[in-house]
């Protein structure tokens, strides 16, 4: 179990705001957001509603807003009291996520902090929230983890675990962390493009 104070202001300074110790830099942020938007454009998904689940410093939503100006609703959520106070997110645990479905849902580096007892519920809540594309970034036990640079708290599950759970929830795996909801009926990929 992660302590309630784990994600404090110092955590966000260390992993996101201090250029010497940050896990992502400005170029990586821009490229990641452009990549996900390019996929949405490729499958002709108009993103009218966007949700960032586990928004942290809010960098994903900020970069998304600069890059994709046509979005009508941008929602940011985080479980951390500090993140919500510092960056203005709505405070909610991923396993308690609710509200109208979004065309694009980003869930970056969140699921490893969800206890085993709540992981199925968290994935079901992501499925309910997503009517289009889910971009999931999760460090897994299959990854070569830089233990000096990374936060080593949480549960490092296998990539196969997440793929299996997301498939059971109705998502099509398109690779690179991109999963398309079964609700997006216009998505009819060639067999090689999605699992």
Protein backbone atom coordinates (compact mmCIF):
# COMPACT_ATOMS: atom_id res chain seq x y z
CA UNK A 1 0.00 0.00 0.00
CA UNK A 2 1.33 3.43 -0.97
CA UNK A 3 1.22 5.99 1.84
CA UNK A 4 -1.05 9.00 1.40
CA UNK A 5 1.96 11.30 1.59
CA UNK A 6 4.02 9.47 -1.08
CA UNK A 7 2.81 11.82 -3.83
CA UNK A 8 3.65 15.09 -2.10
CA UNK A 9 5.00 18.33 -3.57
CA UNK A 10 8.57 16.98 -3.31
CA UNK A 11 7.63 13.93 -5.40
CA UNK A 12 6.43 16.16 -8.26
CA UNK A 13 9.52 18.38 -8.02
CA UNK A 14 11.83 15.35 -8.07
CA UNK A 15 10.26 13.37 -10.92
CA UNK A 16 8.75 16.11 -13.10
CA UNK A 17 9.84 19.67 -12.40
CA UNK A 18 13.58 19.47 -11.66
CA UNK A 19 15.34 19.16 -15.03
CA UNK A 20 18.24 17.30 -13.38
CA UNK A 21 16.04 14.47 -12.03
CA UNK A 22 12.85 14.54 -14.16
CA UNK A 23 11.79 11.29 -15.81
CA UNK A 24 10.50 13.12 -18.93
CA UNK A 25 11.81 16.23 -20.62
CA UNK A 26 9.97 18.79 -22.76
CA UNK A 27 10.83 17.10 -26.06
CA UNK A 28 9.67 13.69 -24.80
CA UNK A 29 6.39 15.24 -23.65
CA UNK A 30 5.76 16.93 -27.00
CA UNK A 31 6.60 13.78 -28.96
CA UNK A 32 4.43 11.52 -26.83
CA UNK A 33 1.38 13.77 -27.12
CA UNK A 34 1.89 14.25 -30.87
CA UNK A 35 2.20 10.47 -31.31
CA UNK A 36 -1.09 9.76 -29.53
CA UNK A 37 -2.88 12.57 -31.39
CA UNK A 38 -1.49 11.26 -34.69
CA UNK A 39 -2.98 7.84 -33.91
CA UNK A 40 -6.36 9.42 -33.12
CA UNK A 41 -6.19 11.34 -36.41
CA UNK A 42 -5.19 8.17 -38.30
CA UNK A 43 -8.28 6.29 -37.09
CA UNK A 44 -10.37 9.44 -37.72
CA UNK A 45 -11.29 9.93 -34.08
CA UNK A 46 -12.30 13.49 -33.30
CA UNK A 47 -11.39 14.19 -29.69
CA UNK A 48 -14.15 16.34 -28.25
CA UNK A 49 -13.70 15.13 -24.67
CA UNK A 50 -10.33 14.31 -23.09
CA UNK A 51 -9.53 12.84 -19.66
CA UNK A 52 -6.13 12.58 -17.99
CA UNK A 53 -6.39 10.03 -15.19
CA UNK A 54 -3.52 10.38 -12.74
CA UNK A 55 -2.59 13.76 -14.16
CA UNK A 56 0.23 14.55 -11.71
CA UNK A 57 1.68 17.92 -12.72
CA UNK A 58 -0.83 18.17 -15.56
CA UNK A 59 1.82 18.18 -18.27
CA UNK A 60 -0.08 15.78 -20.56
CA UNK A 61 -3.27 17.86 -20.56
CA UNK A 62 -1.29 21.09 -20.99
CA UNK A 63 0.64 19.75 -23.98
CA UNK A 64 -2.54 18.23 -25.40
CA UNK A 65 -4.28 21.62 -25.13
CA UNK A 66 -1.45 23.34 -27.01
CA UNK A 67 -1.41 20.70 -29.75
CA UNK A 68 -5.09 19.82 -30.16
CA UNK A 69 -7.14 22.99 -29.87
CA UNK A 70 -10.49 21.59 -31.02
CA UNK A 71 -11.25 19.67 -27.83
CA UNK A 72 -14.35 20.95 -26.02
CA UNK A 73 -13.82 19.33 -22.59
CA UNK A 74 -10.54 18.59 -20.82
CA UNK A 75 -10.76 16.78 -17.48
CA UNK A 76 -7.84 16.04 -15.16
CA UNK A 77 -7.97 13.66 -12.22
CA UNK A 78 -5.50 12.56 -9.58
CA UNK A 79 -5.62 10.64 -6.30
CA UNK A 80 -2.93 12.79 -4.70
CA UNK A 81 -4.08 15.60 -2.46
CA UNK A 82 -0.88 17.51 -3.26
CA UNK A 83 -1.36 17.18 -7.04
CA UNK A 84 -4.93 18.40 -6.79
CA UNK A 85 -3.99 21.38 -4.62
CA UNK A 86 -0.93 22.31 -6.70
CA UNK A 87 -2.30 21.69 -10.20
CA UNK A 88 -6.09 21.96 -9.90
CA UNK A 89 -7.23 18.40 -10.67
CA UNK A 90 -10.36 16.72 -9.44
CA UNK A 91 -9.40 14.31 -6.65
CA UNK A 92 -10.42 10.72 -7.40
CA UNK A 93 -8.88 7.25 -7.27
CA UNK A 94 -8.79 5.52 -10.66
CA UNK A 95 -10.93 2.70 -9.25
CA UNK A 96 -13.60 5.30 -8.37
CA UNK A 97 -13.47 7.17 -11.70
CA UNK A 98 -16.88 8.18 -13.02
CA UNK A 99 -18.54 10.73 -15.26
CA UNK A 100 -19.25 11.05 -18.99
CA UNK A 101 -17.16 8.94 -21.35
CA UNK A 102 -14.23 10.56 -23.16
CA UNK A 103 -12.91 10.14 -26.69
CA UNK A 104 -9.33 10.01 -25.43
CA UNK A 105 -8.31 8.82 -21.97
CA UNK A 106 -4.69 9.00 -20.84
CA UNK A 107 -3.61 6.89 -17.89
CA UNK A 108 0.12 7.38 -17.49
CA UNK A 109 2.11 5.69 -14.73
CA UNK A 110 -0.92 5.12 -12.51
CA UNK A 111 -1.96 1.46 -12.52
CA UNK A 112 1.16 0.15 -10.78
CA UNK A 113 0.11 2.12 -7.70
CA UNK A 114 -3.33 0.47 -7.61
CA UNK A 115 -3.45 -2.43 -5.11
CA UNK A 116 -4.26 -5.90 -6.47
CA UNK A 117 -7.61 -5.81 -4.67
CA UNK A 118 -8.69 -2.82 -6.82
CA UNK A 119 -6.96 -3.40 -10.17
CA UNK A 120 -9.93 -5.10 -11.87
CA UNK A 121 -12.25 -2.33 -10.72
CA UNK A 122 -9.77 0.32 -11.93
CA UNK A 123 -9.64 -1.24 -15.40
CA UNK A 124 -13.44 -1.48 -15.52
CA UNK A 125 -13.66 2.23 -14.62
CA UNK A 126 -11.20 3.10 -17.40
CA UNK A 127 -13.37 1.06 -19.80
CA UNK A 128 -16.47 3.00 -18.74
CA UNK A 129 -14.66 6.32 -19.07
CA UNK A 130 -13.28 5.58 -22.56
CA UNK A 131 -15.44 5.61 -25.69
CA UNK A 132 -12.50 5.92 -28.07
CA UNK A 133 -8.79 5.56 -27.36
CA UNK A 134 -7.05 4.71 -24.10
CA UNK A 135 -3.37 5.58 -23.95
CA UNK A 136 -1.85 3.51 -21.17
CA UNK A 137 1.72 3.98 -20.05
CA UNK A 138 2.78 1.55 -17.34
CA UNK A 139 6.21 0.42 -16.28
CA UNK A 140 6.05 -3.36 -16.01
CA UNK A 141 8.15 -6.13 -14.52
CA UNK A 142 9.18 -6.92 -18.12
CA UNK A 143 10.90 -3.53 -18.48
CA UNK A 144 14.51 -2.70 -17.72
CA UNK A 145 13.88 -0.21 -14.92
CA UNK A 146 16.41 2.46 -14.00
CA UNK A 147 16.07 2.08 -10.24
CA UNK A 148 18.07 5.23 -9.52
CA UNK A 149 15.93 7.50 -11.71
CA UNK A 150 12.53 5.86 -11.14
CA UNK A 151 10.08 5.80 -8.28
CA UNK A 152 10.23 2.15 -7.23
CA UNK A 153 7.00 2.17 -5.22
CA UNK A 154 3.99 0.25 -6.45
CA UNK A 155 3.41 -3.14 -8.04
CA UNK A 156 5.27 -3.93 -11.25
CA UNK A 157 2.94 -6.34 -13.07
CA UNK A 158 3.72 -7.98 -16.43
CA UNK A 159 2.77 -6.42 -19.76
CA UNK A 160 0.77 -9.59 -20.48
CA UNK A 161 -1.27 -8.97 -17.31
CA UNK A 162 -2.38 -5.53 -18.55
CA UNK A 163 -3.03 -6.74 -22.10
CA UNK A 164 -5.14 -9.64 -20.83
CA UNK A 165 -7.18 -7.42 -18.48
CA UNK A 166 -7.74 -4.72 -21.12
CA UNK A 167 -8.76 -7.29 -23.73
CA UNK A 168 -11.27 -8.75 -21.27
CA UNK A 169 -12.60 -5.20 -20.77
CA UNK A 170 -13.24 -4.90 -24.53
CA UNK A 171 -10.17 -2.99 -25.69
CA UNK A 172 -8.26 -3.73 -28.91
CA UNK A 173 -4.49 -3.54 -28.41
CA UNK A 174 -2.89 -1.47 -31.18
CA UNK A 175 0.58 -1.49 -29.65
CA UNK A 176 2.68 1.26 -28.05
CA UNK A 177 0.16 1.62 -25.20
CA UNK A 178 -2.75 2.46 -27.51
CA UNK A 179 -5.97 0.58 -26.84
CA UNK A 180 -9.22 1.19 -28.73
CA UNK A 181 -12.58 0.77 -27.00
CA UNK A 182 -15.10 -1.71 -28.39
CA UNK A 183 -17.56 1.20 -28.32
CA UNK A 184 -15.72 2.88 -31.19
CA UNK A 185 -17.57 0.99 -33.93
CA UNK A 186 -15.92 3.00 -36.73
CA UNK A 187 -12.58 1.37 -35.86
CA UNK A 188 -12.15 -1.57 -38.23
CA UNK A 189 -8.43 -2.29 -38.44
CA UNK A 190 -6.64 -4.82 -40.61
CA UNK A 191 -5.70 -7.94 -38.63
CA UNK A 192 -2.03 -6.92 -38.43
CA UNK A 193 -2.91 -3.52 -36.93
CA UNK A 194 -4.57 -4.66 -33.70
CA UNK A 195 -4.69 -7.68 -31.41
